[in-house]
Amino acid sequence: MSHIATTATAARALIAALIGASCALSAGSALAARKAPPPAPLADLSEEQIANAERVLTGPQQCEFKQTIKVESVPEKAGYFRIQHKGKKYLLVPEPTTTGAVRLEDKKAGVVWLQIANKSMLMNAKIGQRMVDECIHPTQQI
């Protein structure tokens, strides 16, 4: 076989391999895009939930053991809040209470943020245990 024929055969094989790899990558991208559906729209909240949301203290809060909690309102939907703690983010909504405390809950993650007059805390509702306590917003300082 001549050197030119061998080179041409090798070039055709290389082109076929590149085309196959390109098709596989395109198919993989299309599958990956289909696997992640858009997030469900956030549900509307009741008037009571919206009223409770107005009492939530937002911003960074210093907690026990030099931990920090960051509470932010969700700009896309009134009444919703994001809490960030130890690199995790939770999406919470206000829930009514009979005590006057502010209670935010992420039922999916099983966490509850409780805010009272002088402190706040993040609870793991699934096991009934505090994740972080003694969180103090600047307006809660005595």
N, C-alpha and C. Protein backbone atom coordinates (compact mmCIF):
# COMPACT_ATOMS: atom_id res chain seq x y z
N MET A 1 0.85 -1.16 0.00
CA MET A 1 0.00 0.00 0.00
C MET A 1 0.90 1.23 0.00
N SER A 2 0.50 2.22 -0.73
CA SER A 2 1.35 3.40 -0.83
C SER A 2 1.18 4.28 0.41
N HIS A 3 2.17 5.14 0.61
CA HIS A 3 2.19 6.05 1.75
C HIS A 3 1.00 7.01 1.67
N ILE A 4 0.63 7.46 0.47
CA ILE A 4 -0.48 8.40 0.29
C ILE A 4 -1.79 7.71 0.65
N ALA A 5 -1.98 6.47 0.24
CA ALA A 5 -3.22 5.73 0.53
C ALA A 5 -3.35 5.51 2.04
N THR A 6 -2.25 5.17 2.70
CA THR A 6 -2.27 4.95 4.15
C THR A 6 -2.62 6.24 4.88
N THR A 7 -2.05 7.35 4.45
CA THR A 7 -2.34 8.65 5.08
C THR A 7 -3.79 9.04 4.86
N ALA A 8 -4.31 8.81 3.67
CA ALA A 8 -5.70 9.15 3.37
C ALA A 8 -6.65 8.29 4.21
N THR A 9 -6.34 7.01 4.35
CA THR A 9 -7.17 6.11 5.16
C THR A 9 -7.15 6.56 6.62
N ALA A 10 -5.99 6.92 7.12
CA ALA A 10 -5.86 7.38 8.50
C ALA A 10 -6.63 8.69 8.70
N ALA A 11 -6.57 9.58 7.72
CA ALA A 11 -7.28 10.85 7.82
C ALA A 11 -8.78 10.63 7.84
N ARG A 12 -9.28 9.70 6.98
CA ARG A 12 -10.71 9.40 6.97
C ARG A 12 -11.15 8.79 8.31
N ALA A 13 -10.34 7.94 8.87
CA ALA A 13 -10.66 7.32 10.16
C ALA A 13 -10.70 8.38 11.26
N LEU A 14 -9.74 9.31 11.21
CA LEU A 14 -9.70 10.38 12.21
C LEU A 14 -10.92 11.29 12.07
N ILE A 15 -11.30 11.65 10.87
CA ILE A 15 -12.48 12.49 10.64
C ILE A 15 -13.74 11.78 11.13
N ALA A 16 -13.86 10.50 10.84
CA ALA A 16 -15.03 9.73 11.29
C ALA A 16 -15.09 9.69 12.82
N ALA A 17 -13.95 9.51 13.46
CA ALA A 17 -13.91 9.49 14.92
C ALA A 17 -14.30 10.85 15.50
N LEU A 18 -13.81 11.94 14.90
CA LEU A 18 -14.15 13.28 15.37
C LEU A 18 -15.64 13.57 15.20
N ILE A 19 -16.19 13.17 14.07
CA ILE A 19 -17.62 13.37 13.83
C ILE A 19 -18.44 12.57 14.86
N GLY A 20 -18.04 11.34 15.11
CA GLY A 20 -18.74 10.51 16.09
C GLY A 20 -18.67 11.12 17.49
N ALA A 21 -17.49 11.61 17.87
CA ALA A 21 -17.33 12.23 19.19
C ALA A 21 -18.18 13.49 19.30
N SER A 22 -18.21 14.26 18.22
CA SER A 22 -19.01 15.49 18.22
C SER A 22 -20.49 15.17 18.38
N CYS A 23 -20.97 14.15 17.69
CA CYS A 23 -22.38 13.75 17.81
C CYS A 23 -22.69 13.26 19.22
N ALA A 24 -21.78 12.50 19.79
CA ALA A 24 -21.99 11.99 21.15
C ALA A 24 -22.04 13.14 22.15
N LEU A 25 -21.17 14.12 22.00
CA LEU A 25 -21.18 15.28 22.90
C LEU A 25 -22.47 16.07 22.75
N SER A 26 -22.92 16.26 21.51
CA SER A 26 -24.17 17.00 21.28
C SER A 26 -25.35 16.26 21.90
N ALA A 27 -25.39 14.96 21.75
CA ALA A 27 -26.48 14.17 22.32
C ALA A 27 -26.43 14.24 23.84
N GLY A 28 -25.24 14.18 24.41
CA GLY A 28 -25.08 14.27 25.86
C GLY A 28 -25.54 15.62 26.38
N SER A 29 -25.22 16.68 25.67
CA SER A 29 -25.66 18.02 26.08
C SER A 29 -27.17 18.13 26.03
N ALA A 30 -27.77 17.57 24.99
CA ALA A 30 -29.22 17.63 24.87
C ALA A 30 -29.88 16.85 25.99
N LEU A 31 -29.33 15.69 26.34
CA LEU A 31 -29.88 14.91 27.44
C LEU A 31 -29.72 15.64 28.77
N ALA A 32 -28.58 16.25 28.99
CA ALA A 32 -28.34 16.97 30.23
C ALA A 32 -29.30 18.15 30.34
N ALA A 33 -29.56 18.80 29.22
CA ALA A 33 -30.48 19.94 29.24
C ALA A 33 -31.90 19.48 29.56
N ARG A 34 -32.28 18.30 29.12
CA ARG A 34 -33.63 17.79 29.37
C ARG A 34 -33.79 17.29 30.80
N LYS A 35 -32.72 16.88 31.46
CA LYS A 35 -32.81 16.33 32.80
C LYS A 35 -33.15 17.38 33.85
N ALA A 36 -32.82 18.64 33.61
CA ALA A 36 -33.04 19.69 34.60
C ALA A 36 -34.24 20.53 34.20
N PRO A 37 -35.44 20.14 34.68
CA PRO A 37 -36.61 20.95 34.34
C PRO A 37 -36.54 22.30 35.05
N PRO A 38 -37.22 23.27 34.52
CA PRO A 38 -37.20 24.58 35.19
C PRO A 38 -37.85 24.47 36.57
N PRO A 39 -37.40 25.30 37.52
CA PRO A 39 -37.99 25.21 38.85
C PRO A 39 -39.46 25.58 38.83
N ALA A 40 -40.22 24.93 39.70
CA ALA A 40 -41.65 25.20 39.77
C ALA A 40 -41.86 26.63 40.26
N PRO A 41 -42.89 27.29 39.77
CA PRO A 41 -43.15 28.66 40.25
C PRO A 41 -43.50 28.64 41.74
N LEU A 42 -43.11 29.70 42.44
CA LEU A 42 -43.38 29.79 43.86
C LEU A 42 -44.86 30.10 44.08
N ALA A 43 -45.47 29.40 45.02
CA ALA A 43 -46.90 29.57 45.30
C ALA A 43 -47.17 30.93 45.94
N ASP A 44 -48.36 31.43 45.70
CA ASP A 44 -48.78 32.67 46.35
C ASP A 44 -48.99 32.39 47.83
N LEU A 45 -48.70 33.39 48.66
CA LEU A 45 -48.85 33.25 50.11
C LEU A 45 -50.12 33.95 50.57
N SER A 46 -50.59 33.55 51.74
CA SER A 46 -51.80 34.17 52.31
C SER A 46 -51.46 35.56 52.84
N GLU A 47 -52.50 36.33 53.12
CA GLU A 47 -52.30 37.66 53.69
C GLU A 47 -51.58 37.58 55.03
N GLU A 48 -51.92 36.58 55.82
CA GLU A 48 -51.27 36.40 57.13
C GLU A 48 -49.78 36.11 56.96
N GLN A 49 -49.42 35.28 55.98
CA GLN A 49 -48.02 34.97 55.73
C GLN A 49 -47.27 36.22 55.27
N ILE A 50 -47.88 37.00 54.40
CA ILE A 50 -47.25 38.24 53.93
C ILE A 50 -47.05 39.21 55.10
N ALA A 51 -48.06 39.31 55.98
CA ALA A 51 -47.94 40.20 57.15
C ALA A 51 -46.79 39.73 58.05
N ASN A 52 -46.66 38.42 58.25
CA ASN A 52 -45.56 37.90 59.07
C ASN A 52 -44.21 38.14 58.40
N ALA A 53 -44.19 38.09 57.08
CA ALA A 53 -42.93 38.30 56.34
C ALA A 53 -42.38 39.70 56.57
N GLU A 54 -43.26 40.65 56.79
CA GLU A 54 -42.82 42.02 57.01
C GLU A 54 -42.05 42.19 58.32
N ARG A 55 -42.15 41.23 59.22
CA ARG A 55 -41.45 41.30 60.51
C ARG A 55 -40.10 40.58 60.51
N VAL A 56 -39.77 39.91 59.41
CA VAL A 56 -38.52 39.15 59.35
C VAL A 56 -37.33 40.11 59.25
N LEU A 57 -36.33 39.86 60.10
CA LEU A 57 -35.11 40.66 60.08
C LEU A 57 -34.15 40.06 59.07
N THR A 58 -33.76 40.85 58.07
CA THR A 58 -32.88 40.34 57.02
C THR A 58 -31.47 40.88 57.19
N GLY A 59 -30.56 40.20 56.52
CA GLY A 59 -29.15 40.58 56.58
C GLY A 59 -28.35 39.54 57.34
N PRO A 60 -27.05 39.77 57.48
CA PRO A 60 -26.21 38.81 58.21
C PRO A 60 -26.47 38.90 59.72
N GLN A 61 -26.40 37.76 60.37
CA GLN A 61 -26.59 37.69 61.81
C GLN A 61 -25.50 36.82 62.42
N GLN A 62 -24.88 37.34 63.45
CA GLN A 62 -23.82 36.60 64.14
C GLN A 62 -24.47 35.63 65.13
N CYS A 63 -23.96 34.40 65.15
CA CYS A 63 -24.53 33.35 65.98
C CYS A 63 -23.46 32.76 66.90
N GLU A 64 -23.89 31.81 67.72
CA GLU A 64 -22.97 31.14 68.63
C GLU A 64 -21.84 30.46 67.85
N PHE A 65 -20.73 30.26 68.54
CA PHE A 65 -19.56 29.57 67.97
C PHE A 65 -19.04 30.24 66.69
N LYS A 66 -19.18 31.56 66.62
CA LYS A 66 -18.68 32.36 65.51
C LYS A 66 -19.26 31.96 64.15
N GLN A 67 -20.49 31.48 64.17
CA GLN A 67 -21.18 31.14 62.93
C GLN A 67 -21.98 32.36 62.46
N THR A 68 -22.28 32.39 61.17
CA THR A 68 -23.06 33.48 60.60
C THR A 68 -24.22 32.90 59.80
N ILE A 69 -25.37 33.53 59.93
CA ILE A 69 -26.55 33.21 59.13
C ILE A 69 -26.84 34.43 58.28
N LYS A 70 -27.19 34.20 57.05
CA LYS A 70 -27.57 35.30 56.16
C LYS A 70 -29.03 35.08 55.76
N VAL A 71 -29.88 36.06 56.07
CA VAL A 71 -31.30 36.00 55.74
C VAL A 71 -31.56 37.05 54.66
N GLU A 72 -32.11 36.60 53.54
CA GLU A 72 -32.41 37.52 52.43
C GLU A 72 -33.82 37.29 51.94
N SER A 73 -34.51 38.37 51.59
CA SER A 73 -35.82 38.21 50.95
C SER A 73 -35.60 37.79 49.50
N VAL A 74 -36.54 37.06 48.96
CA VAL A 74 -36.47 36.60 47.57
C VAL A 74 -37.13 37.66 46.70
N PRO A 75 -36.36 38.33 45.85
CA PRO A 75 -36.93 39.44 45.08
C PRO A 75 -38.03 39.02 44.09
N GLU A 76 -37.99 37.79 43.64
CA GLU A 76 -38.97 37.34 42.64
C GLU A 76 -40.36 37.12 43.22
N LYS A 77 -40.45 36.91 44.54
CA LYS A 77 -41.74 36.56 45.13
C LYS A 77 -41.83 37.07 46.56
N ALA A 78 -42.73 38.00 46.80
CA ALA A 78 -42.90 38.59 48.13
C ALA A 78 -43.23 37.52 49.16
N GLY A 79 -42.59 37.63 50.33
CA GLY A 79 -42.86 36.73 51.44
C GLY A 79 -41.93 35.55 51.55
N TYR A 80 -41.17 35.27 50.50
CA TYR A 80 -40.22 34.16 50.53
C TYR A 80 -38.85 34.66 50.98
N PHE A 81 -38.09 33.79 51.65
CA PHE A 81 -36.77 34.15 52.14
C PHE A 81 -35.78 33.03 51.85
N ARG A 82 -34.52 33.43 51.66
CA ARG A 82 -33.42 32.46 51.56
C ARG A 82 -32.54 32.63 52.78
N ILE A 83 -32.20 31.53 53.38
CA ILE A 83 -31.27 31.54 54.50
C ILE A 83 -30.06 30.73 54.08
N GLN A 84 -28.89 31.30 54.33
CA GLN A 84 -27.64 30.63 54.00
C GLN A 84 -26.90 30.33 55.30
N HIS A 85 -26.49 29.07 55.44
CA HIS A 85 -25.76 28.63 56.63
C HIS A 85 -24.81 27.50 56.23
N LYS A 86 -23.55 27.67 56.53
CA LYS A 86 -22.52 26.66 56.25
C LYS A 86 -22.56 26.19 54.80
N GLY A 87 -22.70 27.14 53.88
CA GLY A 87 -22.66 26.82 52.45
C GLY A 87 -23.96 26.26 51.89
N LYS A 88 -24.96 26.05 52.72
CA LYS A 88 -26.24 25.54 52.24
C LYS A 88 -27.24 26.68 52.20
N LYS A 89 -28.16 26.61 51.23
CA LYS A 89 -29.20 27.62 51.10
C LYS A 89 -30.55 26.94 51.25
N TYR A 90 -31.43 27.61 51.97
CA TYR A 90 -32.77 27.11 52.20
C TYR A 90 -33.77 28.16 51.73
N LEU A 91 -34.90 27.71 51.19
CA LEU A 91 -35.98 28.58 50.74
C LEU A 91 -37.12 28.43 51.74
N LEU A 92 -37.43 29.51 52.46
CA LEU A 92 -38.39 29.44 53.55
C LEU A 92 -39.57 30.39 53.33
N VAL A 93 -40.70 30.02 53.93
CA VAL A 93 -41.90 30.86 53.91
C VAL A 93 -42.39 31.04 55.34
N PRO A 94 -43.03 32.19 55.62
CA PRO A 94 -43.56 32.42 56.96
C PRO A 94 -44.73 31.46 57.25
N GLU A 95 -44.77 31.00 58.48
CA GLU A 95 -45.88 30.17 58.95
C GLU A 95 -46.49 30.86 60.17
N PRO A 96 -47.80 30.81 60.32
CA PRO A 96 -48.44 31.47 61.46
C PRO A 96 -48.04 30.83 62.79
N THR A 97 -47.99 31.64 63.84
CA THR A 97 -47.73 31.15 65.20
C THR A 97 -48.74 31.77 66.14
N THR A 98 -48.93 31.14 67.29
CA THR A 98 -49.83 31.70 68.30
C THR A 98 -49.06 32.49 69.35
N THR A 99 -47.73 32.44 69.30
CA THR A 99 -46.90 33.09 70.32
C THR A 99 -46.41 34.47 69.92
N GLY A 100 -46.55 34.84 68.66
CA GLY A 100 -46.03 36.11 68.20
C GLY A 100 -44.62 36.00 67.65
N ALA A 101 -44.00 34.83 67.77
CA ALA A 101 -42.67 34.62 67.19
C ALA A 101 -42.80 34.56 65.67
N VAL A 102 -41.73 34.92 64.99
CA VAL A 102 -41.68 34.78 63.53
C VAL A 102 -41.14 33.38 63.25
N ARG A 103 -41.85 32.65 62.41
CA ARG A 103 -41.45 31.28 62.06
C ARG A 103 -41.39 31.17 60.54
N LEU A 104 -40.21 30.84 60.03
CA LEU A 104 -40.03 30.57 58.61
C LEU A 104 -39.73 29.10 58.46
N GLU A 105 -40.30 28.48 57.42
CA GLU A 105 -40.11 27.04 57.29
C GLU A 105 -39.81 26.64 55.85
N ASP A 106 -38.85 25.71 55.72
CA ASP A 106 -38.56 25.04 54.46
C ASP A 106 -38.95 23.58 54.68
N LYS A 107 -40.18 23.24 54.30
CA LYS A 107 -40.69 21.90 54.59
C LYS A 107 -39.93 20.82 53.85
N LYS A 108 -39.47 21.13 52.66
CA LYS A 108 -38.73 20.14 51.86
C LYS A 108 -37.41 19.78 52.54
N ALA A 109 -36.68 20.78 53.00
CA ALA A 109 -35.39 20.53 53.66
C ALA A 109 -35.57 20.18 55.14
N GLY A 110 -36.74 20.50 55.70
CA GLY A 110 -36.99 20.19 57.10
C GLY A 110 -36.31 21.15 58.06
N VAL A 111 -36.19 22.42 57.67
CA VAL A 111 -35.57 23.41 58.57
C VAL A 111 -36.57 24.50 58.91
N VAL A 112 -36.39 25.06 60.12
CA VAL A 112 -37.26 26.12 60.63
C VAL A 112 -36.38 27.22 61.20
N TRP A 113 -36.70 28.46 60.84
CA TRP A 113 -36.03 29.64 61.40
C TRP A 113 -37.01 30.28 62.38
N LEU A 114 -36.62 30.39 63.65
CA LEU A 114 -37.44 31.01 64.67
C LEU A 114 -36.81 32.32 65.09
N GLN A 115 -37.59 33.38 65.04
CA GLN A 115 -37.11 34.70 65.42
C GLN A 115 -37.98 35.22 66.56
N ILE A 116 -37.35 35.48 67.72
CA ILE A 116 -38.06 36.07 68.84
C ILE A 116 -37.43 37.43 69.12
N ALA A 117 -37.88 38.09 70.17
CA ALA A 117 -37.45 39.48 70.42
C ALA A 117 -35.95 39.64 70.55
N ASN A 118 -35.27 38.72 71.24
CA ASN A 118 -33.85 38.93 71.53
C ASN A 118 -32.88 38.01 70.80
N LYS A 119 -33.37 37.07 69.99
CA LYS A 119 -32.47 36.17 69.24
C LYS A 119 -33.26 35.40 68.19
N SER A 120 -32.52 34.68 67.37
CA SER A 120 -33.12 33.77 66.38
C SER A 120 -32.34 32.47 66.39
N MET A 121 -32.93 31.42 65.83
CA MET A 121 -32.24 30.13 65.75
C MET A 121 -32.72 29.35 64.53
N LEU A 122 -31.86 28.48 64.04
CA LEU A 122 -32.19 27.60 62.91
C LEU A 122 -32.32 26.19 63.47
N MET A 123 -33.46 25.57 63.20
CA MET A 123 -33.74 24.23 63.73
C MET A 123 -33.85 23.21 62.60
N ASN A 124 -33.43 21.99 62.92
CA ASN A 124 -33.69 20.86 62.05
C ASN A 124 -34.99 20.25 62.55
N ALA A 125 -36.08 20.50 61.85
CA ALA A 125 -37.40 20.05 62.30
C ALA A 125 -37.56 18.54 62.21
N LYS A 126 -36.79 17.89 61.35
CA LYS A 126 -36.91 16.44 61.19
C LYS A 126 -36.47 15.70 62.44
N ILE A 127 -35.43 16.22 63.10
CA ILE A 127 -34.93 15.55 64.30
C ILE A 127 -35.14 16.39 65.56
N GLY A 128 -35.76 17.55 65.40
CA GLY A 128 -36.06 18.40 66.55
C GLY A 128 -34.83 18.92 67.27
N GLN A 129 -33.83 19.33 66.49
CA GLN A 129 -32.56 19.76 67.09
C GLN A 129 -32.13 21.11 66.51
N ARG A 130 -31.52 21.94 67.34
CA ARG A 130 -31.00 23.22 66.86
C ARG A 130 -29.77 23.00 66.00
N MET A 131 -29.73 23.69 64.88
CA MET A 131 -28.54 23.66 64.03
C MET A 131 -27.60 24.78 64.44
N VAL A 132 -28.18 25.93 64.77
CA VAL A 132 -27.40 27.07 65.24
C VAL A 132 -28.34 27.94 66.08
N ASP A 133 -27.81 28.49 67.16
CA ASP A 133 -28.61 29.27 68.11
C ASP A 133 -27.91 30.59 68.40
N GLU A 134 -28.60 31.42 69.16
CA GLU A 134 -28.05 32.71 69.59
C GLU A 134 -27.67 33.61 68.41
N CYS A 135 -28.48 33.59 67.36
CA CYS A 135 -28.25 34.47 66.23
C CYS A 135 -28.85 35.82 66.57
N ILE A 136 -28.03 36.85 66.43
CA ILE A 136 -28.44 38.19 66.84
C ILE A 136 -28.33 39.15 65.67
N HIS A 137 -29.48 39.70 65.29
CA HIS A 137 -29.52 40.77 64.31
C HIS A 137 -29.18 42.07 65.06
N PRO A 138 -28.57 43.03 64.41
CA PRO A 138 -28.23 44.28 65.12
C PRO A 138 -29.41 44.91 65.87
N THR A 139 -30.63 44.76 65.36
CA THR A 139 -31.78 45.35 66.05
C THR A 139 -32.23 44.51 67.25
N GLN A 140 -31.70 43.31 67.42
CA GLN A 140 -32.05 42.46 68.56
C GLN A 140 -31.08 42.64 69.73
N GLN A 141 -30.02 43.37 69.53
CA GLN A 141 -29.04 43.55 70.60
C GLN A 141 -29.64 44.36 71.74
N ILE A 142 -29.37 43.92 72.94
CA ILE A 142 -29.91 44.59 74.12
C ILE A 142 -28.93 45.65 74.60
